[in-house]
Amino acid sequence: MVDIAEQVAQQGFMSVSDCLHVIRPVKDQSGLHAGERVKNMEGALALKPGRIPLADLILVDDVVTTGATLREAARALTAAGCHVIGSVTACVAQPLR
């Protein structure tokens, strides 16, 4: 995911801060439905020690299926006192019909 953000940063629009890490085991989300994804990600992320972003943050994710990962990232950053102002996604998954 850092690759997408770094490509944008190279254009001079922003800087990249890889500041979150997984603090407990999570399941592969590909086989989980929406509710299971939310539960799987709850409390799974935290700010890396020594990383304190000082600017407004925009979260970048490669794909959004249910938003559970972005929601957890925003929760973890907000809990650490960071200011998340939005998110950007490269792709949105479409459910099979």
Foldseek 3Di string as FASTA:
>chain_A
DVVVVVVVVVVVPDDDDPFKDFDDDADDCPPPDQVNLLVRLVPGMAGDPPDDDPDADEAEDAEAENCNNVVSVVVRNVVVVHHHDYYDYNYYDDDDD
